[in-house]
Amino acid sequence: MAAAAISAGAAGFASEQLRVRVAERSADRAEAEARALRRQAAAAQQAADVAQEGARNLKVRADQAQGEAGLARQNLSSLTASQQLSQGFDNIRSQIAEGIAALDAPAPAPTVNAEGQTTGTLINVTA
């Protein structure tokens, strides 16, 4: 009986050692998988950081482009106003020139009516 008990104890011990080894292998595999996942997570985090930096750079460039577009609109508005002012001055100049030309025109010659009076001239009637 003692031999059977020893044999059973040895078998139980061997079975327990087998379970321990299987558990150790499972733990080693789990740790290896965890390390691999940490490496993947670190690589993904690094890629995300690079992408975020790229997004920040794009935002800065977009803001600069928006500012330049605003300046271009202001310049266009100023140019349009300047052209309108210039056209207004041109119109005034031509009107002044026409007015001066009208002043330089000779007065119409006076005509004599049937009674022999000169018409077309001014007569001072104030006393």
C-alpha atoms as a PDB file:
ATOM      1  CA  MET A   1       0.000   0.000   0.000  1.00  0.00           C
ATOM      2  CA  ALA A   2       2.772   2.304   0.722  1.00  0.00           C
ATOM      3  CA  ALA A   3       4.117   1.704  -2.755  1.00  0.00           C
ATOM      4  CA  ALA A   4       0.721   2.456  -4.248  1.00  0.00           C
ATOM      5  CA  ALA A   5       0.462   5.598  -2.169  1.00  0.00           C
ATOM      6  CA  ILE A   6       3.951   6.667  -3.230  1.00  0.00           C
ATOM      7  CA  SER A   7       3.116   5.898  -6.850  1.00  0.00           C
ATOM      8  CA  ALA A   8      -0.114   7.877  -6.600  1.00  0.00           C
ATOM      9  CA  GLY A   9       1.718  10.716  -4.877  1.00  0.00           C
ATOM     10  CA  ALA A  10       4.397  10.709  -7.567  1.00  0.00           C
ATOM     11  CA  ALA A  11       1.749  10.707 -10.267  1.00  0.00           C
ATOM     12  CA  GLY A  12      -0.047  13.568  -8.525  1.00  0.00           C
ATOM     13  CA  PHE A  13       3.240  15.477  -8.228  1.00  0.00           C
ATOM     14  CA  ALA A  14       4.049  14.917 -11.907  1.00  0.00           C
ATOM     15  CA  SER A  15       0.537  16.002 -12.855  1.00  0.00           C
ATOM     16  CA  GLU A  16       0.905  19.105 -10.682  1.00  0.00           C
ATOM     17  CA  GLN A  17       4.258  19.952 -12.268  1.00  0.00           C
ATOM     18  CA  LEU A  18       2.713  19.539 -15.703  1.00  0.00           C
ATOM     19  CA  ARG A  19      -0.051  21.972 -14.748  1.00  0.00           C
ATOM     20  CA  VAL A  20       2.521  24.438 -13.411  1.00  0.00           C
ATOM     21  CA  ARG A  21       4.526  24.228 -16.653  1.00  0.00           C
ATOM     22  CA  VAL A  22       1.387  24.717 -18.739  1.00  0.00           C
ATOM     23  CA  ALA A  23       0.440  27.702 -16.568  1.00  0.00           C
ATOM     24  CA  GLU A  24       3.984  29.127 -16.899  1.00  0.00           C
ATOM     25  CA  ARG A  25       3.841  28.758 -20.691  1.00  0.00           C
ATOM     26  CA  SER A  26       0.435  30.415 -20.755  1.00  0.00           C
ATOM     27  CA  ALA A  27       1.752  33.261 -18.623  1.00  0.00           C
ATOM     28  CA  ASP A  28       4.849  33.616 -20.850  1.00  0.00           C
ATOM     29  CA  ARG A  29       2.633  33.722 -23.952  1.00  0.00           C
ATOM     30  CA  ALA A  30       0.360  36.294 -22.345  1.00  0.00           C
ATOM     31  CA  GLU A  31       3.345  38.460 -21.392  1.00  0.00           C
ATOM     32  CA  ALA A  32       4.805  38.167 -24.898  1.00  0.00           C
ATOM     33  CA  GLU A  33       1.433  39.129 -26.369  1.00  0.00           C
ATOM     34  CA  ALA A  34       1.196  42.059 -23.937  1.00  0.00           C
ATOM     35  CA  ARG A  35       4.681  43.276 -24.985  1.00  0.00           C
ATOM     36  CA  ALA A  36       3.724  42.989 -28.663  1.00  0.00           C
ATOM     37  CA  LEU A  37       0.518  44.914 -28.009  1.00  0.00           C
ATOM     38  CA  ARG A  38       2.472  47.606 -26.114  1.00  0.00           C
ATOM     39  CA  ARG A  39       4.839  47.948 -29.081  1.00  0.00           C
ATOM     40  CA  GLN A  40       1.872  48.245 -31.438  1.00  0.00           C
ATOM     41  CA  ALA A  41       0.242  50.791 -29.129  1.00  0.00           C
ATOM     42  CA  ALA A  42       3.473  52.823 -28.962  1.00  0.00           C
ATOM     43  CA  ALA A  43       3.784  52.759 -32.761  1.00  0.00           C
ATOM     44  CA  ALA A  44       0.133  53.782 -33.121  1.00  0.00           C
ATOM     45  CA  GLN A  45       0.626  56.588 -30.581  1.00  0.00           C
ATOM     46  CA  GLN A  46       3.688  57.809 -32.471  1.00  0.00           C
ATOM     47  CA  ALA A  47       1.748  57.761 -35.747  1.00  0.00           C
ATOM     48  CA  ALA A  48      -1.100  59.647 -34.064  1.00  0.00           C
ATOM     49  CA  ASP A  49       1.361  62.250 -32.736  1.00  0.00           C
ATOM     50  CA  VAL A  50       2.827  62.715 -36.215  1.00  0.00           C
ATOM     51  CA  ALA A  51      -0.663  63.008 -37.706  1.00  0.00           C
ATOM     52  CA  GLN A  52      -1.693  65.523 -35.039  1.00  0.00           C
ATOM     53  CA  GLU A  53       1.411  67.621 -35.720  1.00  0.00           C
ATOM     54  CA  GLY A  54       0.582  67.502 -39.425  1.00  0.00           C
ATOM     55  CA  ALA A  55      -2.964  68.600 -38.657  1.00  0.00           C
ATOM     56  CA  ARG A  56      -1.664  71.526 -36.583  1.00  0.00           C
ATOM     57  CA  ASN A  57       0.639  72.561 -39.436  1.00  0.00           C
ATOM     58  CA  LEU A  58      -2.248  72.385 -41.906  1.00  0.00           C
ATOM     59  CA  LYS A  59      -4.413  74.503 -39.594  1.00  0.00           C
ATOM     60  CA  VAL A  60      -1.697  77.148 -39.331  1.00  0.00           C
ATOM     61  CA  ARG A  61      -1.312  77.211 -43.102  1.00  0.00           C
ATOM     62  CA  ALA A  62      -5.095  77.425 -43.533  1.00  0.00           C
ATOM     63  CA  ASP A  63      -5.257  80.351 -41.088  1.00  0.00           C
ATOM     64  CA  GLN A  64      -2.454  82.116 -42.983  1.00  0.00           C
ATOM     65  CA  ALA A  65      -4.231  81.540 -46.286  1.00  0.00           C
ATOM     66  CA  GLN A  66      -7.468  82.886 -44.798  1.00  0.00           C
ATOM     67  CA  GLY A  67      -5.636  86.019 -43.641  1.00  0.00           C
ATOM     68  CA  GLU A  68      -4.098  86.495 -47.080  1.00  0.00           C
ATOM     69  CA  ALA A  69      -7.528  86.064 -48.673  1.00  0.00           C
ATOM     70  CA  GLY A  70      -8.916  88.759 -46.359  1.00  0.00           C
ATOM     71  CA  LEU A  71      -6.113  91.131 -47.349  1.00  0.00           C
ATOM     72  CA  ALA A  72      -6.741  90.384 -51.010  1.00  0.00           C
ATOM     73  CA  ARG A  73     -10.438  91.222 -50.538  1.00  0.00           C
ATOM     74  CA  GLN A  74      -9.512  94.484 -48.815  1.00  0.00           C
ATOM     75  CA  ASN A  75      -7.114  95.354 -51.632  1.00  0.00           C
ATOM     76  CA  LEU A  76      -9.795  94.580 -54.206  1.00  0.00           C
ATOM     77  CA  SER A  77     -12.280  96.789 -52.374  1.00  0.00           C
ATOM     78  CA  SER A  78      -9.737  99.622 -52.202  1.00  0.00           C
ATOM     79  CA  LEU A  79      -8.890  99.258 -55.868  1.00  0.00           C
ATOM     80  CA  THR A  80     -12.570  99.300 -56.840  1.00  0.00           C
ATOM     81  CA  ALA A  81     -13.192 102.421 -54.752  1.00  0.00           C
ATOM     82  CA  SER A  82     -10.119 104.081 -56.252  1.00  0.00           C
ATOM     83  CA  GLN A  83     -11.311 103.307 -59.786  1.00  0.00           C
ATOM     84  CA  GLN A  84     -14.762 104.702 -59.032  1.00  0.00           C
ATOM     85  CA  LEU A  85     -13.202 107.871 -57.592  1.00  0.00           C
ATOM     86  CA  SER A  86     -10.977 108.219 -60.648  1.00  0.00           C
ATOM     87  CA  GLN A  87     -13.973 107.837 -62.956  1.00  0.00           C
ATOM     88  CA  GLY A  88     -15.823 110.474 -60.935  1.00  0.00           C
ATOM     89  CA  PHE A  89     -12.877 112.863 -61.316  1.00  0.00           C
ATOM     90  CA  ASP A  90     -12.750 112.136 -65.051  1.00  0.00           C
ATOM     91  CA  ASN A  91     -16.453 112.968 -65.341  1.00  0.00           C
ATOM     92  CA  ILE A  92     -15.990 116.212 -63.416  1.00  0.00           C
ATOM     93  CA  ARG A  93     -12.976 117.149 -65.589  1.00  0.00           C
ATOM     94  CA  SER A  94     -14.955 116.564 -68.779  1.00  0.00           C
ATOM     95  CA  GLN A  95     -17.890 118.584 -67.453  1.00  0.00           C
ATOM     96  CA  ILE A  96     -15.561 121.449 -66.524  1.00  0.00           C
ATOM     97  CA  ALA A  97     -13.937 121.267 -69.961  1.00  0.00           C
ATOM     98  CA  GLU A  98     -17.351 121.381 -71.619  1.00  0.00           C
ATOM     99  CA  GLY A  99     -18.318 124.349 -69.452  1.00  0.00           C
ATOM    100  CA  ILE A 100     -15.108 126.193 -70.324  1.00  0.00           C
ATOM    101  CA  ALA A 101     -15.588 125.397 -74.009  1.00  0.00           C
ATOM    102  CA  ALA A 102     -19.119 126.810 -73.805  1.00  0.00           C
ATOM    103  CA  LEU A 103     -17.738 130.031 -72.271  1.00  0.00           C
ATOM    104  CA  ASP A 104     -15.182 130.384 -75.039  1.00  0.00           C
ATOM    105  CA  ALA A 105     -17.809 130.129 -77.772  1.00  0.00           C
ATOM    106  CA  PRO A 106     -18.478 133.443 -79.497  1.00  0.00           C
ATOM    107  CA  ALA A 107     -21.747 135.121 -78.739  1.00  0.00           C
ATOM    108  CA  PRO A 108     -24.244 134.954 -81.544  1.00  0.00           C
ATOM    109  CA  ALA A 109     -24.229 137.981 -83.789  1.00  0.00           C
ATOM    110  CA  PRO A 110     -27.046 140.407 -83.122  1.00  0.00           C
ATOM    111  CA  THR A 111     -29.758 140.529 -85.706  1.00  0.00           C
ATOM    112  CA  VAL A 112     -31.801 143.438 -86.895  1.00  0.00           C
ATOM    113  CA  ASN A 113     -35.566 143.105 -86.795  1.00  0.00           C
ATOM    114  CA  ALA A 114     -38.048 144.582 -89.272  1.00  0.00           C
ATOM    115  CA  GLU A 115     -38.180 147.839 -87.389  1.00  0.00           C
ATOM    116  CA  GLY A 116     -34.437 148.266 -87.611  1.00  0.00           C
ATOM    117  CA  GLN A 117     -33.769 147.458 -83.983  1.00  0.00           C
ATOM    118  CA  THR A 118     -30.854 145.269 -83.024  1.00  0.00           C
ATOM    119  CA  THR A 119     -31.927 142.155 -81.203  1.00  0.00           C
ATOM    120  CA  GLY A 120     -29.875 139.580 -79.392  1.00  0.00           C
ATOM    121  CA  THR A 121     -27.992 142.091 -77.266  1.00  0.00           C
ATOM    122  CA  LEU A 122     -28.468 142.942 -73.648  1.00  0.00           C
ATOM    123  CA  ILE A 123     -29.877 146.300 -72.748  1.00  0.00           C
ATOM    124  CA  ASN A 124     -29.475 147.742 -69.319  1.00  0.00           C
ATOM    125  CA  VAL A 125     -32.874 148.880 -68.169  1.00  0.00           C
ATOM    126  CA  THR A 126     -31.990 149.709 -64.604  1.00  0.00           C
ATOM    127  CA  ALA A 127     -32.148 153.325 -63.665  1.00  0.00           C
END
